[in-house]
Amino acid sequence: MAKMRLKLATPQDVRRTLARVANMTINGEIDPKAANTIILACNAVLSSLRTDEQQKKIDELEKLLEDVTRGS
């Protein structure tokens, strides 16, 4: 199998990768086991991205709360 570069930096990248892997699997261009491995990796990356985004929002809310508390 040829080397494949996958961009997984954003949820949109993950979505594109999943669509690409699905098409490759349907067209017989990639082994289903390899495709499953990539899909599992995409799910792990997507979960991590969501966690990072949630933490960023929590941090922003905590800062806003501190600013409001100080202003009172």
PDB file of N, CA and C in Angstrom:
ATOM      1  N   MET A   1       0.845  -1.178   0.000  1.00  0.00           N
ATOM      2  CA  MET A   1       0.000   0.000   0.000  1.00  0.00           C
ATOM      3  C   MET A   1       0.890   1.241   0.000  1.00  0.00           C
ATOM      4  N   ALA A   2       0.481   2.223  -0.756  1.00  0.00           N
ATOM      5  CA  ALA A   2       1.227   3.476  -0.840  1.00  0.00           C
ATOM      6  C   ALA A   2       1.088   4.269   0.448  1.00  0.00           C
ATOM      7  N   LYS A   3       2.088   5.110   0.703  1.00  0.00           N
ATOM      8  CA  LYS A   3       2.014   5.963   1.882  1.00  0.00           C
ATOM      9  C   LYS A   3       0.883   6.958   1.730  1.00  0.00           C
ATOM     10  N   MET A   4       0.227   7.232   2.852  1.00  0.00           N
ATOM     11  CA  MET A   4      -0.888   8.159   2.834  1.00  0.00           C
ATOM     12  C   MET A   4      -0.650   9.205   3.918  1.00  0.00           C
ATOM     13  N   ARG A   5      -0.784  10.455   3.564  1.00  0.00           N
ATOM     14  CA  ARG A   5      -0.673  11.544   4.533  1.00  0.00           C
ATOM     15  C   ARG A   5      -2.088  11.992   4.875  1.00  0.00           C
ATOM     16  N   LEU A   6      -2.369  12.056   6.165  1.00  0.00           N
ATOM     17  CA  LEU A   6      -3.696  12.464   6.597  1.00  0.00           C
ATOM     18  C   LEU A   6      -3.580  13.695   7.487  1.00  0.00           C
ATOM     19  N   LYS A   7      -4.367  14.691   7.195  1.00  0.00           N
ATOM     20  CA  LYS A   7      -4.402  15.900   8.001  1.00  0.00           C
ATOM     21  C   LYS A   7      -5.560  15.749   8.988  1.00  0.00           C
ATOM     22  N   LEU A   8      -5.252  15.841  10.280  1.00  0.00           N
ATOM     23  CA  LEU A   8      -6.266  15.632  11.313  1.00  0.00           C
ATOM     24  C   LEU A   8      -6.225  16.735  12.374  1.00  0.00           C
ATOM     25  N   ALA A   9      -5.988  17.957  11.956  1.00  0.00           N
ATOM     26  CA  ALA A   9      -5.822  19.058  12.903  1.00  0.00           C
ATOM     27  C   ALA A   9      -7.143  19.664  13.369  1.00  0.00           C
ATOM     28  N   THR A  10      -8.184  19.537  12.569  1.00  0.00           N
ATOM     29  CA  THR A  10      -9.475  20.128  12.909  1.00  0.00           C
ATOM     30  C   THR A  10     -10.576  19.097  12.679  1.00  0.00           C
ATOM     31  N   PRO A  11     -11.757  19.319  13.268  1.00  0.00           N
ATOM     32  CA  PRO A  11     -12.866  18.398  12.989  1.00  0.00           C
ATOM     33  C   PRO A  11     -13.188  18.297  11.490  1.00  0.00           C
ATOM     34  N   GLN A  12     -13.010  19.401  10.777  1.00  0.00           N
ATOM     35  CA  GLN A  12     -13.262  19.382   9.329  1.00  0.00           C
ATOM     36  C   GLN A  12     -12.248  18.477   8.623  1.00  0.00           C
ATOM     37  N   ASP A  13     -10.993  18.516   9.070  1.00  0.00           N
ATOM     38  CA  ASP A  13      -9.971  17.635   8.506  1.00  0.00           C
ATOM     39  C   ASP A  13     -10.344  16.171   8.747  1.00  0.00           C
ATOM     40  N   VAL A  14     -10.800  15.880   9.954  1.00  0.00           N
ATOM     41  CA  VAL A  14     -11.182  14.503  10.291  1.00  0.00           C
ATOM     42  C   VAL A  14     -12.345  14.057   9.414  1.00  0.00           C
ATOM     43  N   ARG A  15     -13.324  14.935   9.228  1.00  0.00           N
ATOM     44  CA  ARG A  15     -14.475  14.610   8.385  1.00  0.00           C
ATOM     45  C   ARG A  15     -14.032  14.298   6.952  1.00  0.00           C
ATOM     46  N   ARG A  16     -13.136  15.128   6.409  1.00  0.00           N
ATOM     47  CA  ARG A  16     -12.627  14.891   5.056  1.00  0.00           C
ATOM     48  C   ARG A  16     -11.873  13.567   4.972  1.00  0.00           C
ATOM     49  N   THR A  17     -11.081  13.287   5.993  1.00  0.00           N
ATOM     50  CA  THR A  17     -10.314  12.041   6.025  1.00  0.00           C
ATOM     51  C   THR A  17     -11.248  10.839   6.059  1.00  0.00           C
ATOM     52  N   LEU A  18     -12.276  10.903   6.891  1.00  0.00           N
ATOM     53  CA  LEU A  18     -13.225   9.793   6.975  1.00  0.00           C
ATOM     54  C   LEU A  18     -13.931   9.564   5.638  1.00  0.00           C
ATOM     55  N   ALA A  19     -14.300  10.651   4.981  1.00  0.00           N
ATOM     56  CA  ALA A  19     -14.950  10.519   3.665  1.00  0.00           C
ATOM     57  C   ALA A  19     -13.983   9.911   2.658  1.00  0.00           C
ATOM     58  N   ARG A  20     -12.741  10.355   2.708  1.00  0.00           N
ATOM     59  CA  ARG A  20     -11.717   9.828   1.783  1.00  0.00           C
ATOM     60  C   ARG A  20     -11.485   8.332   2.010  1.00  0.00           C
ATOM     61  N   VAL A  21     -11.378   7.946   3.279  1.00  0.00           N
ATOM     62  CA  VAL A  21     -11.145   6.541   3.610  1.00  0.00           C
ATOM     63  C   VAL A  21     -12.360   5.690   3.217  1.00  0.00           C
ATOM     64  N   ALA A  22     -13.553   6.220   3.450  1.00  0.00           N
ATOM     65  CA  ALA A  22     -14.762   5.487   3.051  1.00  0.00           C
ATOM     66  C   ALA A  22     -14.778   5.254   1.546  1.00  0.00           C
ATOM     67  N   ASN A  23     -14.478   6.292   0.777  1.00  0.00           N
ATOM     68  CA  ASN A  23     -14.450   6.152  -0.682  1.00  0.00           C
ATOM     69  C   ASN A  23     -13.378   5.170  -1.132  1.00  0.00           C
ATOM     70  N   MET A  24     -12.201   5.243  -0.502  1.00  0.00           N
ATOM     71  CA  MET A  24     -11.121   4.324  -0.860  1.00  0.00           C
ATOM     72  C   MET A  24     -11.511   2.875  -0.562  1.00  0.00           C
ATOM     73  N   THR A  25     -12.210   2.673   0.552  1.00  0.00           N
ATOM     74  CA  THR A  25     -12.639   1.324   0.914  1.00  0.00           C
ATOM     75  C   THR A  25     -13.660   0.804  -0.090  1.00  0.00           C
ATOM     76  N   ILE A  26     -14.630   1.638  -0.414  1.00  0.00           N
ATOM     77  CA  ILE A  26     -15.668   1.252  -1.375  1.00  0.00           C
ATOM     78  C   ILE A  26     -15.066   0.920  -2.733  1.00  0.00           C
ATOM     79  N   ASN A  27     -14.042   1.666  -3.144  1.00  0.00           N
ATOM     80  CA  ASN A  27     -13.412   1.467  -4.448  1.00  0.00           C
ATOM     81  C   ASN A  27     -12.323   0.399  -4.430  1.00  0.00           C
ATOM     82  N   GLY A  28     -12.135  -0.250  -3.289  1.00  0.00           N
ATOM     83  CA  GLY A  28     -11.143  -1.311  -3.190  1.00  0.00           C
ATOM     84  C   GLY A  28      -9.707  -0.813  -3.216  1.00  0.00           C
ATOM     85  N   GLU A  29      -9.498   0.441  -2.850  1.00  0.00           N
ATOM     86  CA  GLU A  29      -8.163   1.031  -2.887  1.00  0.00           C
ATOM     87  C   GLU A  29      -7.416   0.877  -1.567  1.00  0.00           C
ATOM     88  N   ILE A  30      -8.108   0.425  -0.543  1.00  0.00           N
ATOM     89  CA  ILE A  30      -7.493   0.258   0.772  1.00  0.00           C
ATOM     90  C   ILE A  30      -8.110  -0.968   1.438  1.00  0.00           C
ATOM     91  N   ASP A  31      -7.294  -1.685   2.178  1.00  0.00           N
ATOM     92  CA  ASP A  31      -7.758  -2.862   2.898  1.00  0.00           C
ATOM     93  C   ASP A  31      -8.734  -2.428   3.992  1.00  0.00           C
ATOM     94  N   PRO A  32      -9.847  -3.122   4.140  1.00  0.00           N
ATOM     95  CA  PRO A  32     -10.823  -2.742   5.173  1.00  0.00           C
ATOM     96  C   PRO A  32     -10.236  -2.699   6.587  1.00  0.00           C
ATOM     97  N   LYS A  33      -9.281  -3.580   6.885  1.00  0.00           N
ATOM     98  CA  LYS A  33      -8.657  -3.538   8.213  1.00  0.00           C
ATOM     99  C   LYS A  33      -7.856  -2.252   8.398  1.00  0.00           C
ATOM    100  N   ALA A  34      -7.147  -1.841   7.374  1.00  0.00           N
ATOM    101  CA  ALA A  34      -6.396  -0.584   7.435  1.00  0.00           C
ATOM    102  C   ALA A  34      -7.364   0.595   7.564  1.00  0.00           C
ATOM    103  N   ALA A  35      -8.464   0.527   6.825  1.00  0.00           N
ATOM    104  CA  ALA A  35      -9.469   1.591   6.897  1.00  0.00           C
ATOM    105  C   ALA A  35     -10.040   1.673   8.309  1.00  0.00           C
ATOM    106  N   ASN A  36     -10.311   0.526   8.917  1.00  0.00           N
ATOM    107  CA  ASN A  36     -10.846   0.508  10.277  1.00  0.00           C
ATOM    108  C   ASN A  36      -9.851   1.123  11.261  1.00  0.00           C
ATOM    109  N   THR A  37      -8.577   0.835  11.082  1.00  0.00           N
ATOM    110  CA  THR A  37      -7.550   1.414  11.941  1.00  0.00           C
ATOM    111  C   THR A  37      -7.529   2.931  11.813  1.00  0.00           C
ATOM    112  N   ILE A  38      -7.634   3.430  10.597  1.00  0.00           N
ATOM    113  CA  ILE A  38      -7.646   4.880  10.367  1.00  0.00           C
ATOM    114  C   ILE A  38      -8.890   5.501  10.998  1.00  0.00           C
ATOM    115  N   ILE A  39     -10.026   4.830  10.865  1.00  0.00           N
ATOM    116  CA  ILE A  39     -11.273   5.337  11.440  1.00  0.00           C
ATOM    117  C   ILE A  39     -11.172   5.403  12.962  1.00  0.00           C
ATOM    118  N   LEU A  40     -10.603   4.385  13.574  1.00  0.00           N
ATOM    119  CA  LEU A  40     -10.409   4.403  15.028  1.00  0.00           C
ATOM    120  C   LEU A  40      -9.507   5.550  15.446  1.00  0.00           C
ATOM    121  N   ALA A  41      -8.439   5.783  14.691  1.00  0.00           N
ATOM    122  CA  ALA A  41      -7.534   6.892  14.980  1.00  0.00           C
ATOM    123  C   ALA A  41      -8.260   8.235  14.822  1.00  0.00           C
ATOM    124  N   CYS A  42      -9.070   8.351  13.790  1.00  0.00           N
ATOM    125  CA  CYS A  42      -9.835   9.590  13.578  1.00  0.00           C
ATOM    126  C   CYS A  42     -10.773   9.850  14.751  1.00  0.00           C
ATOM    127  N   ASN A  43     -11.422   8.800  15.242  1.00  0.00           N
ATOM    128  CA  ASN A  43     -12.324   8.965  16.382  1.00  0.00           C
ATOM    129  C   ASN A  43     -11.567   9.410  17.628  1.00  0.00           C
ATOM    130  N   ALA A  44     -10.385   8.864  17.840  1.00  0.00           N
ATOM    131  CA  ALA A  44      -9.570   9.263  18.993  1.00  0.00           C
ATOM    132  C   ALA A  44      -9.137  10.721  18.867  1.00  0.00           C
ATOM    133  N   VAL A  45      -8.702  11.120  17.682  1.00  0.00           N
ATOM    134  CA  VAL A  45      -8.281  12.501  17.453  1.00  0.00           C
ATOM    135  C   VAL A  45      -9.471  13.441  17.626  1.00  0.00           C
ATOM    136  N   LEU A  46     -10.612  13.073  17.081  1.00  0.00           N
ATOM    137  CA  LEU A  46     -11.795  13.916  17.190  1.00  0.00           C
ATOM    138  C   LEU A  46     -12.205  14.089  18.655  1.00  0.00           C
ATOM    139  N   SER A  47     -12.139  13.042  19.419  1.00  0.00           N
ATOM    140  CA  SER A  47     -12.449  13.122  20.847  1.00  0.00           C
ATOM    141  C   SER A  47     -11.490  14.071  21.554  1.00  0.00           C
ATOM    142  N   SER A  48     -10.230  13.986  21.217  1.00  0.00           N
ATOM    143  CA  SER A  48      -9.222  14.864  21.801  1.00  0.00           C
ATOM    144  C   SER A  48      -9.471  16.322  21.421  1.00  0.00           C
ATOM    145  N   LEU A  49      -9.813  16.562  20.167  1.00  0.00           N
ATOM    146  CA  LEU A  49     -10.106  17.925  19.718  1.00  0.00           C
ATOM    147  C   LEU A  49     -11.304  18.498  20.468  1.00  0.00           C
ATOM    148  N   ARG A  50     -12.324  17.679  20.663  1.00  0.00           N
ATOM    149  CA  ARG A  50     -13.507  18.133  21.394  1.00  0.00           C
ATOM    150  C   ARG A  50     -13.164  18.463  22.842  1.00  0.00           C
ATOM    151  N   THR A  51     -12.359  17.618  23.455  1.00  0.00           N
ATOM    152  CA  THR A  51     -11.944  17.858  24.834  1.00  0.00           C
ATOM    153  C   THR A  51     -11.164  19.162  24.937  1.00  0.00           C
ATOM    154  N   ASP A  52     -10.247  19.380  24.006  1.00  0.00           N
ATOM    155  CA  ASP A  52      -9.473  20.629  23.996  1.00  0.00           C
ATOM    156  C   ASP A  52     -10.387  21.840  23.842  1.00  0.00           C
ATOM    157  N   GLU A  53     -11.361  21.743  22.957  1.00  0.00           N
ATOM    158  CA  GLU A  53     -12.288  22.845  22.723  1.00  0.00           C
ATOM    159  C   GLU A  53     -13.135  23.111  23.971  1.00  0.00           C
ATOM    160  N   GLN A  54     -13.593  22.043  24.616  1.00  0.00           N
ATOM    161  CA  GLN A  54     -14.376  22.215  25.843  1.00  0.00           C
ATOM    162  C   GLN A  54     -13.537  22.880  26.930  1.00  0.00           C
ATOM    163  N   GLN A  55     -12.286  22.479  27.070  1.00  0.00           N
ATOM    164  CA  GLN A  55     -11.415  23.065  28.080  1.00  0.00           C
ATOM    165  C   GLN A  55     -11.185  24.545  27.803  1.00  0.00           C
ATOM    166  N   LYS A  56     -11.024  24.884  26.535  1.00  0.00           N
ATOM    167  CA  LYS A  56     -10.833  26.288  26.164  1.00  0.00           C
ATOM    168  C   LYS A  56     -12.058  27.112  26.567  1.00  0.00           C
ATOM    169  N   LYS A  57     -13.252  26.565  26.334  1.00  0.00           N
ATOM    170  CA  LYS A  57     -14.478  27.274  26.698  1.00  0.00           C
ATOM    171  C   LYS A  57     -14.611  27.401  28.216  1.00  0.00           C
ATOM    172  N   ILE A  58     -14.253  26.355  28.941  1.00  0.00           N
ATOM    173  CA  ILE A  58     -14.295  26.403  30.405  1.00  0.00           C
ATOM    174  C   ILE A  58     -13.348  27.474  30.915  1.00  0.00           C
ATOM    175  N   ASP A  59     -12.149  27.508  30.363  1.00  0.00           N
ATOM    176  CA  ASP A  59     -11.165  28.521  30.768  1.00  0.00           C
ATOM    177  C   ASP A  59     -11.688  29.931  30.520  1.00  0.00           C
ATOM    178  N   GLU A  60     -12.328  30.141  29.365  1.00  0.00           N
ATOM    179  CA  GLU A  60     -12.887  31.454  29.042  1.00  0.00           C
ATOM    180  C   GLU A  60     -13.995  31.826  30.026  1.00  0.00           C
ATOM    181  N   LEU A  61     -14.862  30.865  30.348  1.00  0.00           N
ATOM    182  CA  LEU A  61     -15.949  31.126  31.292  1.00  0.00           C
ATOM    183  C   LEU A  61     -15.410  31.429  32.689  1.00  0.00           C
ATOM    184  N   GLU A  62     -14.385  30.707  33.115  1.00  0.00           N
ATOM    185  CA  GLU A  62     -13.788  30.966  34.422  1.00  0.00           C
ATOM    186  C   GLU A  62     -13.194  32.372  34.475  1.00  0.00           C
ATOM    187  N   LYS A  63     -12.557  32.781  33.388  1.00  0.00           N
ATOM    188  CA  LYS A  63     -11.992  34.140  33.337  1.00  0.00           C
ATOM    189  C   LYS A  63     -13.100  35.181  33.395  1.00  0.00           C
ATOM    190  N   LEU A  64     -14.169  34.961  32.663  1.00  0.00           N
ATOM    191  CA  LEU A  64     -15.292  35.899  32.701  1.00  0.00           C
ATOM    192  C   LEU A  64     -15.892  35.979  34.106  1.00  0.00           C
ATOM    193  N   LEU A  65     -16.022  34.831  34.752  1.00  0.00           N
ATOM    194  CA  LEU A  65     -16.571  34.790  36.102  1.00  0.00           C
ATOM    195  C   LEU A  65     -15.671  35.549  37.074  1.00  0.00           C
ATOM    196  N   GLU A  66     -14.367  35.367  36.937  1.00  0.00           N
ATOM    197  CA  GLU A  66     -13.425  36.103  37.780  1.00  0.00           C
ATOM    198  C   GLU A  66     -13.555  37.604  37.554  1.00  0.00           C
ATOM    199  N   ASP A  67     -13.665  38.015  36.286  1.00  0.00           N
ATOM    200  CA  ASP A  67     -13.801  39.440  35.967  1.00  0.00           C
ATOM    201  C   ASP A  67     -15.082  40.010  36.569  1.00  0.00           C
ATOM    202  N   VAL A  68     -16.176  39.271  36.486  1.00  0.00           N
ATOM    203  CA  VAL A  68     -17.450  39.735  37.025  1.00  0.00           C
ATOM    204  C   VAL A  68     -17.397  39.785  38.544  1.00  0.00           C
ATOM    205  N   THR A  69     -16.775  38.787  39.157  1.00  0.00           N
ATOM    206  CA  THR A  69     -16.666  38.727  40.621  1.00  0.00           C
ATOM    207  C   THR A  69     -15.822  39.883  41.142  1.00  0.00           C
ATOM    208  N   ARG A  70     -14.745  40.187  40.464  1.00  0.00           N
ATOM    209  CA  ARG A  70     -13.872  41.302  40.872  1.00  0.00           C
ATOM    210  C   ARG A  70     -14.579  42.638  40.728  1.00  0.00           C
ATOM    211  N   GLY A  71     -15.411  42.734  39.704  1.00  0.00           N
ATOM    212  CA  GLY A  71     -16.110  43.995  39.434  1.00  0.00           C
ATOM    213  C   GLY A  71     -17.243  44.274  40.413  1.00  0.00           C
ATOM    214  N   SER A  72     -17.664  43.276  41.168  1.00  0.00           N
ATOM    215  CA  SER A  72     -18.779  43.465  42.098  1.00  0.00           C
ATOM    216  C   SER A  72     -18.349  44.062  43.400  1.00  0.00           C
TER     217      SER A  72
END
